[in-house]
Amino acid sequence: MIIPWQSLDPETLENIIEAFVLREGTDYGEHERSFSDKVSQVKHQLERGDAVLVWSELHETVNIMPRDQFRG
């Protein structure tokens, strides 16, 4: 189930994004980015609709994933 990121308290959204960035082993290209840059990048992806917040009832977790990979 997609969770509308706009419905979350800004601090809650920030915490979810930070936790996601900390656990992801994502390659950001040739140049390493700072933690704050990575958080900002994920937030912009959510704002543009390129990424979505997803609630897993099975695992009772929230994740961020590319919209085109979500099959709900």
PDB file of N, CA and C in Angstrom:
ATOM      1  N   MET A   1       0.842  -1.171   0.000  1.00  0.00           N
ATOM      2  CA  MET A   1       0.000   0.000   0.000  1.00  0.00           C
ATOM      3  C   MET A   1       0.893   1.242   0.000  1.00  0.00           C
ATOM      4  N   ILE A   2       0.589   2.165  -0.898  1.00  0.00           N
ATOM      5  CA  ILE A   2       1.345   3.421  -0.958  1.00  0.00           C
ATOM      6  C   ILE A   2       0.841   4.365   0.123  1.00  0.00           C
ATOM      7  N   ILE A   3       1.777   4.965   0.832  1.00  0.00           N
ATOM      8  CA  ILE A   3       1.467   5.974   1.844  1.00  0.00           C
ATOM      9  C   ILE A   3       1.759   7.338   1.215  1.00  0.00           C
ATOM     10  N   PRO A   4       0.782   8.234   1.143  1.00  0.00           N
ATOM     11  CA  PRO A   4       1.064   9.571   0.606  1.00  0.00           C
ATOM     12  C   PRO A   4       2.057  10.295   1.526  1.00  0.00           C
ATOM     13  N   TRP A   5       3.222  10.622   1.004  1.00  0.00           N
ATOM     14  CA  TRP A   5       4.252  11.246   1.840  1.00  0.00           C
ATOM     15  C   TRP A   5       3.775  12.587   2.398  1.00  0.00           C
ATOM     16  N   GLN A   6       2.858  13.252   1.689  1.00  0.00           N
ATOM     17  CA  GLN A   6       2.356  14.557   2.128  1.00  0.00           C
ATOM     18  C   GLN A   6       1.526  14.445   3.411  1.00  0.00           C
ATOM     19  N   SER A   7       1.027  13.244   3.697  1.00  0.00           N
ATOM     20  CA  SER A   7       0.175  13.072   4.875  1.00  0.00           C
ATOM     21  C   SER A   7       0.986  12.882   6.163  1.00  0.00           C
ATOM     22  N   LEU A   8       2.289  12.723   6.028  1.00  0.00           N
ATOM     23  CA  LEU A   8       3.131  12.505   7.205  1.00  0.00           C
ATOM     24  C   LEU A   8       3.606  13.822   7.798  1.00  0.00           C
ATOM     25  N   ASP A   9       3.811  13.807   9.096  1.00  0.00           N
ATOM     26  CA  ASP A   9       4.451  14.924   9.767  1.00  0.00           C
ATOM     27  C   ASP A   9       5.844  15.085   9.152  1.00  0.00           C
ATOM     28  N   PRO A  10       6.292  16.307   8.862  1.00  0.00           N
ATOM     29  CA  PRO A  10       7.603  16.501   8.226  1.00  0.00           C
ATOM     30  C   PRO A  10       8.757  15.817   8.968  1.00  0.00           C
ATOM     31  N   GLU A  11       8.714  15.831  10.290  1.00  0.00           N
ATOM     32  CA  GLU A  11       9.780  15.193  11.066  1.00  0.00           C
ATOM     33  C   GLU A  11       9.753  13.677  10.878  1.00  0.00           C
ATOM     34  N   THR A  12       8.563  13.095  10.825  1.00  0.00           N
ATOM     35  CA  THR A  12       8.420  11.659  10.600  1.00  0.00           C
ATOM     36  C   THR A  12       8.955  11.284   9.228  1.00  0.00           C
ATOM     37  N   LEU A  13       8.594  12.079   8.219  1.00  0.00           N
ATOM     38  CA  LEU A  13       9.083  11.825   6.862  1.00  0.00           C
ATOM     39  C   LEU A  13      10.605  11.898   6.821  1.00  0.00           C
ATOM     40  N   GLU A  14      11.151  12.899   7.445  1.00  0.00           N
ATOM     41  CA  GLU A  14      12.617  13.059   7.488  1.00  0.00           C
ATOM     42  C   GLU A  14      13.273  11.836   8.139  1.00  0.00           C
ATOM     43  N   ASN A  15      12.704  11.356   9.234  1.00  0.00           N
ATOM     44  CA  ASN A  15      13.249  10.185   9.920  1.00  0.00           C
ATOM     45  C   ASN A  15      13.180   8.936   9.046  1.00  0.00           C
ATOM     46  N   ILE A  16      12.089   8.766   8.318  1.00  0.00           N
ATOM     47  CA  ILE A  16      11.960   7.610   7.423  1.00  0.00           C
ATOM     48  C   ILE A  16      13.000   7.684   6.309  1.00  0.00           C
ATOM     49  N   ILE A  17      13.160   8.855   5.721  1.00  0.00           N
ATOM     50  CA  ILE A  17      14.146   9.022   4.643  1.00  0.00           C
ATOM     51  C   ILE A  17      15.555   8.779   5.172  1.00  0.00           C
ATOM     52  N   GLU A  18      15.872   9.327   6.335  1.00  0.00           N
ATOM     53  CA  GLU A  18      17.213   9.129   6.913  1.00  0.00           C
ATOM     54  C   GLU A  18      17.483   7.658   7.182  1.00  0.00           C
ATOM     55  N   ALA A  19      16.511   6.953   7.734  1.00  0.00           N
ATOM     56  CA  ALA A  19      16.682   5.515   8.000  1.00  0.00           C
ATOM     57  C   ALA A  19      16.881   4.756   6.694  1.00  0.00           C
ATOM     58  N   PHE A  20      16.148   5.128   5.660  1.00  0.00           N
ATOM     59  CA  PHE A  20      16.290   4.497   4.349  1.00  0.00           C
ATOM     60  C   PHE A  20      17.693   4.715   3.790  1.00  0.00           C
ATOM     61  N   VAL A  21      18.167   5.949   3.837  1.00  0.00           N
ATOM     62  CA  VAL A  21      19.497   6.271   3.300  1.00  0.00           C
ATOM     63  C   VAL A  21      20.578   5.515   4.072  1.00  0.00           C
ATOM     64  N   LEU A  22      20.419   5.416   5.385  1.00  0.00           N
ATOM     65  CA  LEU A  22      21.423   4.726   6.194  1.00  0.00           C
ATOM     66  C   LEU A  22      21.492   3.230   5.904  1.00  0.00           C
ATOM     67  N   ARG A  23      20.370   2.616   5.546  1.00  0.00           N
ATOM     68  CA  ARG A  23      20.377   1.168   5.324  1.00  0.00           C
ATOM     69  C   ARG A  23      20.613   0.774   3.870  1.00  0.00           C
ATOM     70  N   GLU A  24      20.443   1.717   2.959  1.00  0.00           N
ATOM     71  CA  GLU A  24      20.607   1.398   1.548  1.00  0.00           C
ATOM     72  C   GLU A  24      22.078   1.398   1.165  1.00  0.00           C
ATOM     73  N   GLY A  25      22.449   0.433   0.353  1.00  0.00           N
ATOM     74  CA  GLY A  25      23.801   0.372  -0.189  1.00  0.00           C
ATOM     75  C   GLY A  25      23.795   0.883  -1.607  1.00  0.00           C
ATOM     76  N   THR A  26      23.105   1.987  -1.820  1.00  0.00           N
ATOM     77  CA  THR A  26      22.900   2.507  -3.159  1.00  0.00           C
ATOM     78  C   THR A  26      24.152   3.158  -3.705  1.00  0.00           C
ATOM     79  N   ASP A  27      24.409   2.910  -4.977  1.00  0.00           N
ATOM     80  CA  ASP A  27      25.515   3.542  -5.678  1.00  0.00           C
ATOM     81  C   ASP A  27      25.016   4.867  -6.232  1.00  0.00           C
ATOM     82  N   TYR A  28      25.661   5.952  -5.859  1.00  0.00           N
ATOM     83  CA  TYR A  28      25.242   7.277  -6.302  1.00  0.00           C
ATOM     84  C   TYR A  28      26.101   7.790  -7.450  1.00  0.00           C
ATOM     85  N   GLY A  29      26.758   6.888  -8.154  1.00  0.00           N
ATOM     86  CA  GLY A  29      27.566   7.282  -9.303  1.00  0.00           C
ATOM     87  C   GLY A  29      29.023   7.446  -8.947  1.00  0.00           C
ATOM     88  N   GLU A  30      29.719   8.154  -9.814  1.00  0.00           N
ATOM     89  CA  GLU A  30      31.166   8.328  -9.668  1.00  0.00           C
ATOM     90  C   GLU A  30      31.544   9.099  -8.413  1.00  0.00           C
ATOM     91  N   HIS A  31      30.728  10.051  -8.047  1.00  0.00           N
ATOM     92  CA  HIS A  31      31.050  10.940  -6.929  1.00  0.00           C
ATOM     93  C   HIS A  31      30.196  10.583  -5.717  1.00  0.00           C
ATOM     94  N   GLU A  32      30.862  10.359  -4.607  1.00  0.00           N
ATOM     95  CA  GLU A  32      30.139  10.072  -3.361  1.00  0.00           C
ATOM     96  C   GLU A  32      29.441  11.340  -2.903  1.00  0.00           C
ATOM     97  N   ARG A  33      28.249  11.191  -2.400  1.00  0.00           N
ATOM     98  CA  ARG A  33      27.456  12.318  -1.922  1.00  0.00           C
ATOM     99  C   ARG A  33      27.394  12.289  -0.386  1.00  0.00           C
ATOM    100  N   SER A  34      27.212  13.459   0.190  1.00  0.00           N
ATOM    101  CA  SER A  34      27.088  13.545   1.643  1.00  0.00           C
ATOM    102  C   SER A  34      25.748  12.960   2.065  1.00  0.00           C
ATOM    103  N   PHE A  35      25.650  12.632   3.338  1.00  0.00           N
ATOM    104  CA  PHE A  35      24.399  12.096   3.879  1.00  0.00           C
ATOM    105  C   PHE A  35      23.242  13.048   3.612  1.00  0.00           C
ATOM    106  N   SER A  36      23.449  14.338   3.872  1.00  0.00           N
ATOM    107  CA  SER A  36      22.369  15.308   3.675  1.00  0.00           C
ATOM    108  C   SER A  36      21.982  15.420   2.204  1.00  0.00           C
ATOM    109  N   ASP A  37      22.952  15.288   1.295  1.00  0.00           N
ATOM    110  CA  ASP A  37      22.634  15.298  -0.135  1.00  0.00           C
ATOM    111  C   ASP A  37      21.796  14.086  -0.520  1.00  0.00           C
ATOM    112  N   LYS A  38      22.121  12.929   0.041  1.00  0.00           N
ATOM    113  CA  LYS A  38      21.358  11.709  -0.247  1.00  0.00           C
ATOM    114  C   LYS A  38      19.929  11.828   0.267  1.00  0.00           C
ATOM    115  N   VAL A  39      19.771  12.373   1.475  1.00  0.00           N
ATOM    116  CA  VAL A  39      18.438  12.574   2.051  1.00  0.00           C
ATOM    117  C   VAL A  39      17.643  13.527   1.163  1.00  0.00           C
ATOM    118  N   SER A  40      18.261  14.614   0.749  1.00  0.00           N
ATOM    119  CA  SER A  40      17.604  15.590  -0.110  1.00  0.00           C
ATOM    120  C   SER A  40      17.208  14.969  -1.449  1.00  0.00           C
ATOM    121  N   GLN A  41      18.069  14.160  -2.002  1.00  0.00           N
ATOM    122  CA  GLN A  41      17.796  13.506  -3.284  1.00  0.00           C
ATOM    123  C   GLN A  41      16.575  12.579  -3.179  1.00  0.00           C
ATOM    124  N   VAL A  42      16.505  11.800  -2.105  1.00  0.00           N
ATOM    125  CA  VAL A  42      15.366  10.894  -1.914  1.00  0.00           C
ATOM    126  C   VAL A  42      14.084  11.699  -1.726  1.00  0.00           C
ATOM    127  N   LYS A  43      14.154  12.783  -0.966  1.00  0.00           N
ATOM    128  CA  LYS A  43      12.971  13.617  -0.756  1.00  0.00           C
ATOM    129  C   LYS A  43      12.473  14.188  -2.079  1.00  0.00           C
ATOM    130  N   HIS A  44      13.379  14.642  -2.926  1.00  0.00           N
ATOM    131  CA  HIS A  44      12.986  15.170  -4.233  1.00  0.00           C
ATOM    132  C   HIS A  44      12.373  14.085  -5.112  1.00  0.00           C
ATOM    133  N   GLN A  45      12.868  12.863  -5.006  1.00  0.00           N
ATOM    134  CA  GLN A  45      12.281  11.768  -5.771  1.00  0.00           C
ATOM    135  C   GLN A  45      10.849  11.504  -5.324  1.00  0.00           C
ATOM    136  N   LEU A  46      10.597  11.595  -4.025  1.00  0.00           N
ATOM    137  CA  LEU A  46       9.230  11.446  -3.517  1.00  0.00           C
ATOM    138  C   LEU A  46       8.347  12.592  -4.014  1.00  0.00           C
ATOM    139  N   GLU A  47       8.866  13.808  -3.951  1.00  0.00           N
ATOM    140  CA  GLU A  47       8.093  14.979  -4.377  1.00  0.00           C
ATOM    141  C   GLU A  47       7.741  14.925  -5.860  1.00  0.00           C
ATOM    142  N   ARG A  48       8.661  14.429  -6.685  1.00  0.00           N
ATOM    143  CA  ARG A  48       8.418  14.315  -8.127  1.00  0.00           C
ATOM    144  C   ARG A  48       7.532  13.126  -8.484  1.00  0.00           C
ATOM    145  N   GLY A  49       7.375  12.211  -7.537  1.00  0.00           N
ATOM    146  CA  GLY A  49       6.586  11.016  -7.817  1.00  0.00           C
ATOM    147  C   GLY A  49       7.398   9.878  -8.415  1.00  0.00           C
ATOM    148  N   ASP A  50       8.715  10.041  -8.472  1.00  0.00           N
ATOM    149  CA  ASP A  50       9.584   8.988  -8.999  1.00  0.00           C
ATOM    150  C   ASP A  50       9.741   7.846  -7.998  1.00  0.00           C
ATOM    151  N   ALA A  51       9.568   8.165  -6.714  1.00  0.00           N
ATOM    152  CA  ALA A  51       9.661   7.171  -5.641  1.00  0.00           C
ATOM    153  C   ALA A  51       8.391   7.255  -4.795  1.00  0.00           C
ATOM    154  N   VAL A  52       8.087   6.160  -4.111  1.00  0.00           N
ATOM    155  CA  VAL A  52       6.892   6.120  -3.263  1.00  0.00           C
ATOM    156  C   VAL A  52       7.228   5.500  -1.910  1.00  0.00           C
ATOM    157  N   LEU A  53       6.460   5.891  -0.895  1.00  0.00           N
ATOM    158  CA  LEU A  53       6.527   5.256   0.423  1.00  0.00           C
ATOM    159  C   LEU A  53       5.559   4.084   0.396  1.00  0.00           C
ATOM    160  N   VAL A  54       6.042   2.925   0.800  1.00  0.00           N
ATOM    161  CA  VAL A  54       5.227   1.723   0.728  1.00  0.00           C
ATOM    162  C   VAL A  54       5.156   1.050   2.097  1.00  0.00           C
ATOM    163  N   TRP A  55       3.934   0.741   2.535  1.00  0.00           N
ATOM    164  CA  TRP A  55       3.699   0.008   3.772  1.00  0.00           C
ATOM    165  C   TRP A  55       3.520  -1.458   3.426  1.00  0.00           C
ATOM    166  N   SER A  56       4.294  -2.321   4.081  1.00  0.00           N
ATOM    167  CA  SER A  56       4.148  -3.761   3.907  1.00  0.00           C
ATOM    168  C   SER A  56       3.377  -4.309   5.094  1.00  0.00           C
ATOM    169  N   GLU A  57       2.172  -4.773   4.839  1.00  0.00           N
ATOM    170  CA  GLU A  57       1.382  -5.373   5.914  1.00  0.00           C
ATOM    171  C   GLU A  57       2.024  -6.662   6.404  1.00  0.00           C
ATOM    172  N   LEU A  58       2.608  -7.414   5.486  1.00  0.00           N
ATOM    173  CA  LEU A  58       3.251  -8.671   5.840  1.00  0.00           C
ATOM    174  C   LEU A  58       4.399  -8.464   6.821  1.00  0.00           C
ATOM    175  N   HIS A  59       5.259  -7.485   6.526  1.00  0.00           N
ATOM    176  CA  HIS A  59       6.442  -7.243   7.357  1.00  0.00           C
ATOM    177  C   HIS A  59       6.249  -6.123   8.360  1.00  0.00           C
ATOM    178  N   GLU A  60       5.134  -5.396   8.239  1.00  0.00           N
ATOM    179  CA  GLU A  60       4.847  -4.246   9.090  1.00  0.00           C
ATOM    180  C   GLU A  60       5.999  -3.240   9.076  1.00  0.00           C
ATOM    181  N   THR A  61       6.397  -2.891   7.841  1.00  0.00           N
ATOM    182  CA  THR A  61       7.498  -1.946   7.648  1.00  0.00           C
ATOM    183  C   THR A  61       7.136  -0.929   6.577  1.00  0.00           C
ATOM    184  N   VAL A  62       7.847   0.191   6.607  1.00  0.00           N
ATOM    185  CA  VAL A  62       7.729   1.213   5.576  1.00  0.00           C
ATOM    186  C   VAL A  62       9.023   1.188   4.775  1.00  0.00           C
ATOM    187  N   ASN A  63       8.885   1.282   3.460  1.00  0.00           N
ATOM    188  CA  ASN A  63      10.052   1.312   2.594  1.00  0.00           C
ATOM    189  C   ASN A  63       9.846   2.397   1.548  1.00  0.00           C
ATOM    190  N   ILE A  64      10.935   2.798   0.929  1.00  0.00           N
ATOM    191  CA  ILE A  64      10.889   3.739  -0.186  1.00  0.00           C
ATOM    192  C   ILE A  64      11.383   2.975  -1.407  1.00  0.00           C
ATOM    193  N   MET A  65      10.611   3.076  -2.473  1.00  0.00           N
ATOM    194  CA  MET A  65      11.011   2.351  -3.675  1.00  0.00           C
ATOM    195  C   MET A  65      10.636   3.142  -4.920  1.00  0.00           C
ATOM    196  N   PRO A  66      11.318   2.844  -6.031  1.00  0.00           N
ATOM    197  CA  PRO A  66      10.941   3.504  -7.290  1.00  0.00           C
ATOM    198  C   PRO A  66       9.493   3.175  -7.642  1.00  0.00           C
ATOM    199  N   ARG A  67       8.761   4.167  -8.099  1.00  0.00           N
ATOM    200  CA  ARG A  67       7.349   3.977  -8.424  1.00  0.00           C
ATOM    201  C   ARG A  67       7.162   2.856  -9.441  1.00  0.00           C
ATOM    202  N   ASP A  68       8.044   2.763 -10.423  1.00  0.00           N
ATOM    203  CA  ASP A  68       7.863   1.751 -11.457  1.00  0.00           C
ATOM    204  C   ASP A  68       8.136   0.322 -10.976  1.00  0.00           C
ATOM    205  N   GLN A  69       8.677   0.179  -9.772  1.00  0.00           N
ATOM    206  CA  GLN A  69       8.895  -1.160  -9.203  1.00  0.00           C
ATOM    207  C   GLN A  69       7.785  -1.583  -8.242  1.00  0.00           C
ATOM    208  N   PHE A  70       6.911  -0.641  -7.894  1.00  0.00           N
ATOM    209  CA  PHE A  70       5.837  -0.956  -6.964  1.00  0.00           C
ATOM    210  C   PHE A  70       4.738  -1.735  -7.679  1.00  0.00           C
ATOM    211  N   ARG A  71       4.405  -2.868  -7.102  1.00  0.00           N
ATOM    212  CA  ARG A  71       3.326  -3.687  -7.654  1.00  0.00           C
ATOM    213  C   ARG A  71       2.320  -3.930  -6.528  1.00  0.00           C
ATOM    214  N   GLY A  72       1.361  -3.047  -6.413  1.00  0.00           N
ATOM    215  CA  GLY A  72       0.419  -3.143  -5.320  1.00  0.00           C
ATOM    216  C   GLY A  72      -0.911  -3.345  -5.781  1.00  0.00           C
TER     217      GLY A  72
END
